[in-house]
């Protein structure tokens, strides 16, 4: 529920999330290669799965960054009322 006290210029930490995802992609690739070279296919598969998750996360973050800012109600918009459970 919106309380009306949110900052007017709040921003999502998308750039930080993007760099953390890139960091995860790099380490997952290095881990996959290293474990494959030493003959640990299970650990290589785990690192490969982490790579896929981090890569998809990075793509979602880039998509959100390209969408741009979304409308944020100002101080003149009253807080939303919670939904009434009697009226679905």
PDB file of N, CA and C in Angstrom:
ATOM      1  N   UNK A   1       0.840  -1.183   0.000  1.00  0.00           N
ATOM      2  CA  UNK A   1       0.000   0.000   0.000  1.00  0.00           C
ATOM      3  C   UNK A   1       0.882   1.241   0.000  1.00  0.00           C
ATOM      4  N   UNK A   2       0.504   2.206  -0.779  1.00  0.00           N
ATOM      5  CA  UNK A   2       1.233   3.464  -0.841  1.00  0.00           C
ATOM      6  C   UNK A   2       0.843   4.318   0.354  1.00  0.00           C
ATOM      7  N   UNK A   3       1.843   4.887   1.023  1.00  0.00           N
ATOM      8  CA  UNK A   3       1.577   5.684   2.212  1.00  0.00           C
ATOM      9  C   UNK A   3       1.593   7.173   1.934  1.00  0.00           C
ATOM     10  N   UNK A   4       2.129   7.599   0.804  1.00  0.00           N
ATOM     11  CA  UNK A   4       2.218   9.011   0.489  1.00  0.00           C
ATOM     12  C   UNK A   4       3.513   9.646   0.955  1.00  0.00           C
ATOM     13  N   UNK A   5       4.365   8.896   1.644  1.00  0.00           N
ATOM     14  CA  UNK A   5       5.613   9.461   2.155  1.00  0.00           C
ATOM     15  C   UNK A   5       6.837   8.988   1.361  1.00  0.00           C
ATOM     16  N   UNK A   6       6.611   8.376   0.196  1.00  0.00           N
ATOM     17  CA  UNK A   6       7.736   7.887  -0.601  1.00  0.00           C
ATOM     18  C   UNK A   6       8.496   9.069  -1.199  1.00  0.00           C
ATOM     19  N   UNK A   7       9.797   8.914  -1.397  1.00  0.00           N
ATOM     20  CA  UNK A   7      10.562   9.993  -2.028  1.00  0.00           C
ATOM     21  C   UNK A   7      10.089  10.223  -3.462  1.00  0.00           C
ATOM     22  N   UNK A   8      10.091  11.454  -3.869  1.00  0.00           N
ATOM     23  CA  UNK A   8       9.609  11.796  -5.213  1.00  0.00           C
ATOM     24  C   UNK A   8      10.594  11.389  -6.295  1.00  0.00           C
ATOM     25  N   UNK A   9      11.860  11.281  -5.943  1.00  0.00           N
ATOM     26  CA  UNK A   9      12.874  10.971  -6.958  1.00  0.00           C
ATOM     27  C   UNK A   9      13.520   9.616  -6.705  1.00  0.00           C
ATOM     28  N   UNK A  10      12.785   8.685  -6.145  1.00  0.00           N
ATOM     29  CA  UNK A  10      13.345   7.360  -5.854  1.00  0.00           C
ATOM     30  C   UNK A  10      13.744   6.670  -7.155  1.00  0.00           C
ATOM     31  N   UNK A  11      14.855   5.980  -7.114  1.00  0.00           N
ATOM     32  CA  UNK A  11      15.357   5.264  -8.280  1.00  0.00           C
ATOM     33  C   UNK A  11      15.670   3.822  -7.902  1.00  0.00           C
ATOM     34  N   UNK A  12      15.501   2.950  -8.862  1.00  0.00           N
ATOM     35  CA  UNK A  12      15.841   1.547  -8.660  1.00  0.00           C
ATOM     36  C   UNK A  12      17.336   1.351  -8.920  1.00  0.00           C
ATOM     37  N   UNK A  13      18.008   0.504  -8.157  1.00  0.00           N
ATOM     38  CA  UNK A  13      19.448   0.297  -8.351  1.00  0.00           C
ATOM     39  C   UNK A  13      19.746  -0.643  -9.521  1.00  0.00           C
ATOM     40  N   UNK A  14      19.234  -0.319 -10.703  1.00  0.00           N
ATOM     41  CA  UNK A  14      19.387  -1.217 -11.844  1.00  0.00           C
ATOM     42  C   UNK A  14      20.831  -1.322 -12.318  1.00  0.00           C
ATOM     43  N   UNK A  15      21.574  -0.227 -12.290  1.00  0.00           N
ATOM     44  CA  UNK A  15      22.967  -0.305 -12.746  1.00  0.00           C
ATOM     45  C   UNK A  15      23.791  -1.207 -11.842  1.00  0.00           C
ATOM     46  N   UNK A  16      23.569  -1.105 -10.541  1.00  0.00           N
ATOM     47  CA  UNK A  16      24.280  -1.978  -9.611  1.00  0.00           C
ATOM     48  C   UNK A  16      23.900  -3.438  -9.860  1.00  0.00           C
ATOM     49  N   UNK A  17      22.602  -3.699 -10.062  1.00  0.00           N
ATOM     50  CA  UNK A  17      22.166  -5.066 -10.348  1.00  0.00           C
ATOM     51  C   UNK A  17      22.776  -5.573 -11.647  1.00  0.00           C
ATOM     52  N   UNK A  18      22.902  -4.696 -12.647  1.00  0.00           N
ATOM     53  CA  UNK A  18      23.495  -5.114 -13.915  1.00  0.00           C
ATOM     54  C   UNK A  18      24.952  -5.514 -13.722  1.00  0.00           C
ATOM     55  N   UNK A  19      25.713  -4.695 -13.000  1.00  0.00           N
ATOM     56  CA  UNK A  19      27.125  -5.034 -12.787  1.00  0.00           C
ATOM     57  C   UNK A  19      27.283  -6.298 -11.954  1.00  0.00           C
ATOM     58  N   UNK A  20      26.410  -6.520 -10.988  1.00  0.00           N
ATOM     59  CA  UNK A  20      26.467  -7.766 -10.214  1.00  0.00           C
ATOM     60  C   UNK A  20      26.142  -8.969 -11.100  1.00  0.00           C
ATOM     61  N   UNK A  21      25.202  -8.799 -12.024  1.00  0.00           N
ATOM     62  CA  UNK A  21      24.893  -9.884 -12.955  1.00  0.00           C
ATOM     63  C   UNK A  21      26.066 -10.169 -13.886  1.00  0.00           C
ATOM     64  N   UNK A  22      26.700  -9.106 -14.372  1.00  0.00           N
ATOM     65  CA  UNK A  22      27.877  -9.290 -15.241  1.00  0.00           C
ATOM     66  C   UNK A  22      28.985  -9.997 -14.470  1.00  0.00           C
ATOM     67  N   UNK A  23      29.175  -9.601 -13.224  1.00  0.00           N
ATOM     68  CA  UNK A  23      30.179 -10.255 -12.370  1.00  0.00           C
ATOM     69  C   UNK A  23      29.844 -11.742 -12.211  1.00  0.00           C
ATOM     70  N   UNK A  24      28.578 -12.060 -12.004  1.00  0.00           N
ATOM     71  CA  UNK A  24      28.147 -13.450 -11.895  1.00  0.00           C
ATOM     72  C   UNK A  24      28.356 -14.228 -13.178  1.00  0.00           C
ATOM     73  N   UNK A  25      28.102 -13.583 -14.315  1.00  0.00           N
ATOM     74  CA  UNK A  25      28.324 -14.246 -15.607  1.00  0.00           C
ATOM     75  C   UNK A  25      29.796 -14.580 -15.784  1.00  0.00           C
ATOM     76  N   UNK A  26      30.655 -13.628 -15.474  1.00  0.00           N
ATOM     77  CA  UNK A  26      32.102 -13.854 -15.626  1.00  0.00           C
ATOM     78  C   UNK A  26      32.567 -15.008 -14.756  1.00  0.00           C
ATOM     79  N   UNK A  27      32.207 -14.991 -13.465  1.00  0.00           N
ATOM     80  CA  UNK A  27      32.643 -16.053 -12.560  1.00  0.00           C
ATOM     81  C   UNK A  27      32.028 -17.407 -12.920  1.00  0.00           C
ATOM     82  N   UNK A  28      30.793 -17.410 -13.405  1.00  0.00           N
ATOM     83  CA  UNK A  28      30.165 -18.663 -13.798  1.00  0.00           C
ATOM     84  C   UNK A  28      30.858 -19.265 -15.012  1.00  0.00           C
ATOM     85  N   UNK A  29      31.237 -18.419 -15.971  1.00  0.00           N
ATOM     86  CA  UNK A  29      31.965 -18.925 -17.145  1.00  0.00           C
ATOM     87  C   UNK A  29      33.323 -19.486 -16.715  1.00  0.00           C
ATOM     88  N   UNK A  30      34.032 -18.737 -15.881  1.00  0.00           N
ATOM     89  CA  UNK A  30      35.335 -19.228 -15.403  1.00  0.00           C
ATOM     90  C   UNK A  30      35.188 -20.524 -14.622  1.00  0.00           C
ATOM     91  N   UNK A  31      34.168 -20.618 -13.782  1.00  0.00           N
ATOM     92  CA  UNK A  31      33.940 -21.839 -13.018  1.00  0.00           C
ATOM     93  C   UNK A  31      33.582 -23.007 -13.904  1.00  0.00           C
ATOM     94  N   UNK A  32      32.750 -22.761 -14.904  1.00  0.00           N
ATOM     95  CA  UNK A  32      32.368 -23.835 -15.825  1.00  0.00           C
ATOM     96  C   UNK A  32      33.582 -24.379 -16.557  1.00  0.00           C
ATOM     97  N   UNK A  33      34.412 -23.479 -17.063  1.00  0.00           N
ATOM     98  CA  UNK A  33      35.615 -23.902 -17.790  1.00  0.00           C
ATOM     99  C   UNK A  33      36.575 -24.628 -16.863  1.00  0.00           C
ATOM    100  N   UNK A  34      36.821 -24.076 -15.677  1.00  0.00           N
ATOM    101  CA  UNK A  34      37.771 -24.691 -14.741  1.00  0.00           C
ATOM    102  C   UNK A  34      37.312 -26.072 -14.310  1.00  0.00           C
ATOM    103  N   UNK A  35      36.039 -26.209 -13.949  1.00  0.00           N
ATOM    104  CA  UNK A  35      35.546 -27.518 -13.500  1.00  0.00           C
ATOM    105  C   UNK A  35      35.487 -28.514 -14.646  1.00  0.00           C
ATOM    106  N   UNK A  36      35.230 -28.054 -15.856  1.00  0.00           N
ATOM    107  CA  UNK A  36      35.241 -28.962 -17.004  1.00  0.00           C
ATOM    108  C   UNK A  36      36.653 -29.465 -17.279  1.00  0.00           C
ATOM    109  N   UNK A  37      37.644 -28.589 -17.107  1.00  0.00           N
ATOM    110  CA  UNK A  37      39.030 -28.985 -17.369  1.00  0.00           C
ATOM    111  C   UNK A  37      39.564 -29.970 -16.334  1.00  0.00           C
ATOM    112  N   UNK A  38      39.108 -29.873 -15.086  1.00  0.00           N
ATOM    113  CA  UNK A  38      39.605 -30.786 -14.048  1.00  0.00           C
ATOM    114  C   UNK A  38      38.740 -32.027 -13.915  1.00  0.00           C
ATOM    115  N   UNK A  39      37.734 -32.169 -14.758  1.00  0.00           N
ATOM    116  CA  UNK A  39      36.939 -33.388 -14.770  1.00  0.00           C
ATOM    117  C   UNK A  39      35.847 -33.454 -13.718  1.00  0.00           C
ATOM    118  N   UNK A  40      35.255 -32.349 -13.393  1.00  0.00           N
ATOM    119  CA  UNK A  40      34.130 -32.299 -12.436  1.00  0.00           C
ATOM    120  C   UNK A  40      32.875 -31.849 -13.178  1.00  0.00           C
ATOM    121  N   UNK A  41      32.209 -32.763 -13.886  1.00  0.00           N
ATOM    122  CA  UNK A  41      31.059 -32.358 -14.706  1.00  0.00           C
ATOM    123  C   UNK A  41      29.864 -31.853 -13.890  1.00  0.00           C
ATOM    124  N   UNK A  42      29.679 -32.362 -12.690  1.00  0.00           N
ATOM    125  CA  UNK A  42      28.565 -31.901 -11.863  1.00  0.00           C
ATOM    126  C   UNK A  42      28.709 -30.437 -11.486  1.00  0.00           C
ATOM    127  N   UNK A  43      29.906 -30.084 -11.026  1.00  0.00           N
ATOM    128  CA  UNK A  43      30.157 -28.686 -10.664  1.00  0.00           C
ATOM    129  C   UNK A  43      30.154 -27.785 -11.891  1.00  0.00           C
ATOM    130  N   UNK A  44      30.623 -28.316 -13.016  1.00  0.00           N
ATOM    131  CA  UNK A  44      30.569 -27.538 -14.256  1.00  0.00           C
ATOM    132  C   UNK A  44      29.116 -27.265 -14.649  1.00  0.00           C
ATOM    133  N   UNK A  45      28.233 -28.246 -14.449  1.00  0.00           N
ATOM    134  CA  UNK A  45      26.818 -28.052 -14.762  1.00  0.00           C
ATOM    135  C   UNK A  45      26.186 -27.023 -13.828  1.00  0.00           C
ATOM    136  N   UNK A  46      26.569 -27.049 -12.555  1.00  0.00           N
ATOM    137  CA  UNK A  46      26.047 -26.058 -11.610  1.00  0.00           C
ATOM    138  C   UNK A  46      26.483 -24.660 -12.023  1.00  0.00           C
ATOM    139  N   UNK A  47      27.736 -24.514 -12.376  1.00  0.00           N
ATOM    140  CA  UNK A  47      28.225 -23.206 -12.829  1.00  0.00           C
ATOM    141  C   UNK A  47      27.544 -22.792 -14.128  1.00  0.00           C
ATOM    142  N   UNK A  48      27.262 -23.755 -15.001  1.00  0.00           N
ATOM    143  CA  UNK A  48      26.535 -23.447 -16.224  1.00  0.00           C
ATOM    144  C   UNK A  48      25.121 -22.953 -15.935  1.00  0.00           C
ATOM    145  N   UNK A  49      24.470 -23.558 -14.935  1.00  0.00           N
ATOM    146  CA  UNK A  49      23.132 -23.103 -14.543  1.00  0.00           C
ATOM    147  C   UNK A  49      23.185 -21.690 -13.961  1.00  0.00           C
ATOM    148  N   UNK A  50      24.210 -21.415 -13.137  1.00  0.00           N
ATOM    149  CA  UNK A  50      24.374 -20.065 -12.588  1.00  0.00           C
ATOM    150  C   UNK A  50      24.606 -19.067 -13.721  1.00  0.00           C
ATOM    151  N   UNK A  51      25.367 -19.484 -14.732  1.00  0.00           N
ATOM    152  CA  UNK A  51      25.591 -18.628 -15.898  1.00  0.00           C
ATOM    153  C   UNK A  51      24.265 -18.280 -16.575  1.00  0.00           C
ATOM    154  N   UNK A  52      23.417 -19.282 -16.793  1.00  0.00           N
ATOM    155  CA  UNK A  52      22.137 -19.029 -17.455  1.00  0.00           C
ATOM    156  C   UNK A  52      21.259 -18.082 -16.634  1.00  0.00           C
ATOM    157  N   UNK A  53      21.215 -18.297 -15.325  1.00  0.00           N
ATOM    158  CA  UNK A  53      20.399 -17.439 -14.466  1.00  0.00           C
ATOM    159  C   UNK A  53      20.919 -16.006 -14.493  1.00  0.00           C
ATOM    160  N   UNK A  54      22.235 -15.840 -14.376  1.00  0.00           N
ATOM    161  CA  UNK A  54      22.814 -14.493 -14.372  1.00  0.00           C
ATOM    162  C   UNK A  54      22.640 -13.811 -15.726  1.00  0.00           C
ATOM    163  N   UNK A  55      22.755 -14.556 -16.811  1.00  0.00           N
ATOM    164  CA  UNK A  55      22.601 -13.969 -18.142  1.00  0.00           C
ATOM    165  C   UNK A  55      21.154 -13.523 -18.372  1.00  0.00           C
ATOM    166  N   UNK A  56      20.181 -14.346 -17.967  1.00  0.00           N
ATOM    167  CA  UNK A  56      18.773 -13.964 -18.113  1.00  0.00           C
ATOM    168  C   UNK A  56      18.476 -12.752 -17.235  1.00  0.00           C
ATOM    169  N   UNK A  57      19.006 -12.734 -16.018  1.00  0.00           N
ATOM    170  CA  UNK A  57      18.813 -11.591 -15.125  1.00  0.00           C
ATOM    171  C   UNK A  57      19.371 -10.317 -15.758  1.00  0.00           C
ATOM    172  N   UNK A  58      20.552 -10.406 -16.353  1.00  0.00           N
ATOM    173  CA  UNK A  58      21.145  -9.236 -17.008  1.00  0.00           C
ATOM    174  C   UNK A  58      20.263  -8.752 -18.159  1.00  0.00           C
ATOM    175  N   UNK A  59      19.692  -9.682 -18.929  1.00  0.00           N
ATOM    176  CA  UNK A  59      18.818  -9.279 -20.033  1.00  0.00           C
ATOM    177  C   UNK A  59      17.555  -8.593 -19.516  1.00  0.00           C
ATOM    178  N   UNK A  60      16.990  -9.102 -18.427  1.00  0.00           N
ATOM    179  CA  UNK A  60      15.799  -8.479 -17.847  1.00  0.00           C
ATOM    180  C   UNK A  60      16.131  -7.081 -17.334  1.00  0.00           C
ATOM    181  N   UNK A  61      17.288  -6.935 -16.711  1.00  0.00           N
ATOM    182  CA  UNK A  61      17.700  -5.636 -16.189  1.00  0.00           C
ATOM    183  C   UNK A  61      17.880  -4.632 -17.327  1.00  0.00           C
ATOM    184  N   UNK A  62      18.531  -5.049 -18.400  1.00  0.00           N
ATOM    185  CA  UNK A  62      18.714  -4.157 -19.550  1.00  0.00           C
ATOM    186  C   UNK A  62      17.353  -3.758 -20.133  1.00  0.00           C
ATOM    187  N   UNK A  63      16.426  -4.702 -20.182  1.00  0.00           N
ATOM    188  CA  UNK A  63      15.076  -4.390 -20.669  1.00  0.00           C
ATOM    189  C   UNK A  63      14.424  -3.330 -19.790  1.00  0.00           C
ATOM    190  N   UNK A  64      14.523  -3.491 -18.477  1.00  0.00           N
ATOM    191  CA  UNK A  64      13.941  -2.513 -17.561  1.00  0.00           C
ATOM    192  C   UNK A  64      14.619  -1.150 -17.694  1.00  0.00           C
ATOM    193  N   UNK A  65      15.929  -1.142 -17.909  1.00  0.00           N
ATOM    194  CA  UNK A  65      16.638   0.123 -18.069  1.00  0.00           C
ATOM    195  C   UNK A  65      16.190   0.847 -19.336  1.00  0.00           C
ATOM    196  N   UNK A  66      15.939   0.099 -20.391  1.00  0.00           N
ATOM    197  CA  UNK A  66      15.518   0.713 -21.652  1.00  0.00           C
ATOM    198  C   UNK A  66      14.073   1.184 -21.618  1.00  0.00           C
ATOM    199  N   UNK A  67      13.269   0.641 -20.699  1.00  0.00           N
ATOM    200  CA  UNK A  67      11.884   1.100 -20.581  1.00  0.00           C
ATOM    201  C   UNK A  67      11.810   2.538 -20.107  1.00  0.00           C
ATOM    202  N   UNK A  68      12.771   2.961 -19.319  1.00  0.00           N
ATOM    203  CA  UNK A  68      12.770   4.323 -18.818  1.00  0.00           C
ATOM    204  C   UNK A  68      11.986   4.452 -17.529  1.00  0.00           C
ATOM    205  N   UNK A  69      11.867   5.681 -17.090  1.00  0.00           N
ATOM    206  CA  UNK A  69      11.178   5.956 -15.830  1.00  0.00           C
ATOM    207  C   UNK A  69       9.681   5.736 -15.980  1.00  0.00           C
ATOM    208  N   UNK A  70       9.054   5.308 -14.910  1.00  0.00           N
ATOM    209  CA  UNK A  70       7.613   5.104 -14.872  1.00  0.00           C
ATOM    210  C   UNK A  70       6.973   6.221 -14.049  1.00  0.00           C
ATOM    211  N   UNK A  71       5.695   6.403 -14.249  1.00  0.00           N
ATOM    212  CA  UNK A  71       4.969   7.439 -13.522  1.00  0.00           C
ATOM    213  C   UNK A  71       5.001   7.148 -12.028  1.00  0.00           C
ATOM    214  N   UNK A  72       5.342   8.154 -11.253  1.00  0.00           N
ATOM    215  CA  UNK A  72       5.303   8.071  -9.801  1.00  0.00           C
ATOM    216  C   UNK A  72       4.355   9.155  -9.312  1.00  0.00           C
ATOM    217  N   UNK A  73       3.320   8.788  -8.559  1.00  0.00           N
ATOM    218  CA  UNK A  73       2.394   9.810  -8.084  1.00  0.00           C
ATOM    219  C   UNK A  73       3.079  10.772  -7.127  1.00  0.00           C
ATOM    220  N   UNK A  74       2.684  12.041  -7.188  1.00  0.00           N
ATOM    221  CA  UNK A  74       3.270  13.064  -6.325  1.00  0.00           C
ATOM    222  C   UNK A  74       2.554  13.170  -4.992  1.00  0.00           C
ATOM    223  N   UNK A  75       2.913  14.221  -4.256  1.00  0.00           N
ATOM    224  CA  UNK A  75       2.329  14.414  -2.928  1.00  0.00           C
ATOM    225  C   UNK A  75       0.843  14.764  -2.991  1.00  0.00           C
ATOM    226  N   UNK A  76       0.381  15.265  -4.140  1.00  0.00           N
ATOM    227  CA  UNK A  76      -1.027  15.633  -4.247  1.00  0.00           C
ATOM    228  C   UNK A  76      -1.940  14.427  -4.456  1.00  0.00           C
ATOM    229  N   UNK A  77      -1.368  13.220  -4.709  1.00  0.00           N
ATOM    230  CA  UNK A  77      -2.167  12.011  -4.891  1.00  0.00           C
ATOM    231  C   UNK A  77      -2.294  11.327  -3.532  1.00  0.00           C
ATOM    232  N   UNK A  78      -3.523  11.121  -3.056  1.00  0.00           N
ATOM    233  CA  UNK A  78      -3.682  10.512  -1.739  1.00  0.00           C
ATOM    234  C   UNK A  78      -3.272   9.042  -1.750  1.00  0.00           C
ATOM    235  N   UNK A  79      -2.970   8.492  -0.571  1.00  0.00           N
ATOM    236  CA  UNK A  79      -2.613   7.070  -0.504  1.00  0.00           C
ATOM    237  C   UNK A  79      -3.766   6.197  -0.986  1.00  0.00           C
ATOM    238  N   UNK A  80      -3.413   5.054  -1.541  1.00  0.00           N
ATOM    239  CA  UNK A  80      -4.429   4.116  -2.007  1.00  0.00           C
ATOM    240  C   UNK A  80      -5.102   3.452  -0.819  1.00  0.00           C
ATOM    241  N   UNK A  81      -6.377   3.235  -0.956  1.00  0.00           N
ATOM    242  CA  UNK A  81      -7.111   2.528   0.084  1.00  0.00           C
ATOM    243  C   UNK A  81      -6.907   1.030  -0.116  1.00  0.00           C
ATOM    244  N   UNK A  82      -6.763   0.275   0.981  1.00  0.00           N
ATOM    245  CA  UNK A  82      -6.632  -1.180   0.827  1.00  0.00           C
ATOM    246  C   UNK A  82      -7.908  -1.757   0.240  1.00  0.00           C
ATOM    247  N   UNK A  83      -7.782  -2.839  -0.528  1.00  0.00           N
ATOM    248  CA  UNK A  83      -8.987  -3.428  -1.129  1.00  0.00           C
ATOM    249  C   UNK A  83      -9.932  -3.964  -0.054  1.00  0.00           C
ATOM    250  N   UNK A  84     -11.216  -3.843  -0.331  1.00  0.00           N
ATOM    251  CA  UNK A  84     -12.232  -4.344   0.586  1.00  0.00           C
ATOM    252  C   UNK A  84     -12.428  -5.828   0.317  1.00  0.00           C
ATOM    253  N   UNK A  85     -12.198  -6.708   1.289  1.00  0.00           N
ATOM    254  CA  UNK A  85     -12.323  -8.153   1.042  1.00  0.00           C
ATOM    255  C   UNK A  85     -13.766  -8.582   0.750  1.00  0.00           C
ATOM    256  N   UNK A  86     -14.742  -7.745   1.090  1.00  0.00           N
ATOM    257  CA  UNK A  86     -16.139  -8.117   0.839  1.00  0.00           C
ATOM    258  C   UNK A  86     -16.537  -7.927  -0.620  1.00  0.00           C
ATOM    259  N   UNK A  87     -15.750  -7.118  -1.379  1.00  0.00           N
ATOM    260  CA  UNK A  87     -16.063  -6.857  -2.779  1.00  0.00           C
ATOM    261  C   UNK A  87     -14.890  -7.278  -3.653  1.00  0.00           C
ATOM    262  N   UNK A  88     -14.950  -8.492  -4.202  1.00  0.00           N
ATOM    263  CA  UNK A  88     -13.813  -8.988  -5.010  1.00  0.00           C
ATOM    264  C   UNK A  88     -13.643  -8.309  -6.328  1.00  0.00           C
TER     265      UNK A  88
END
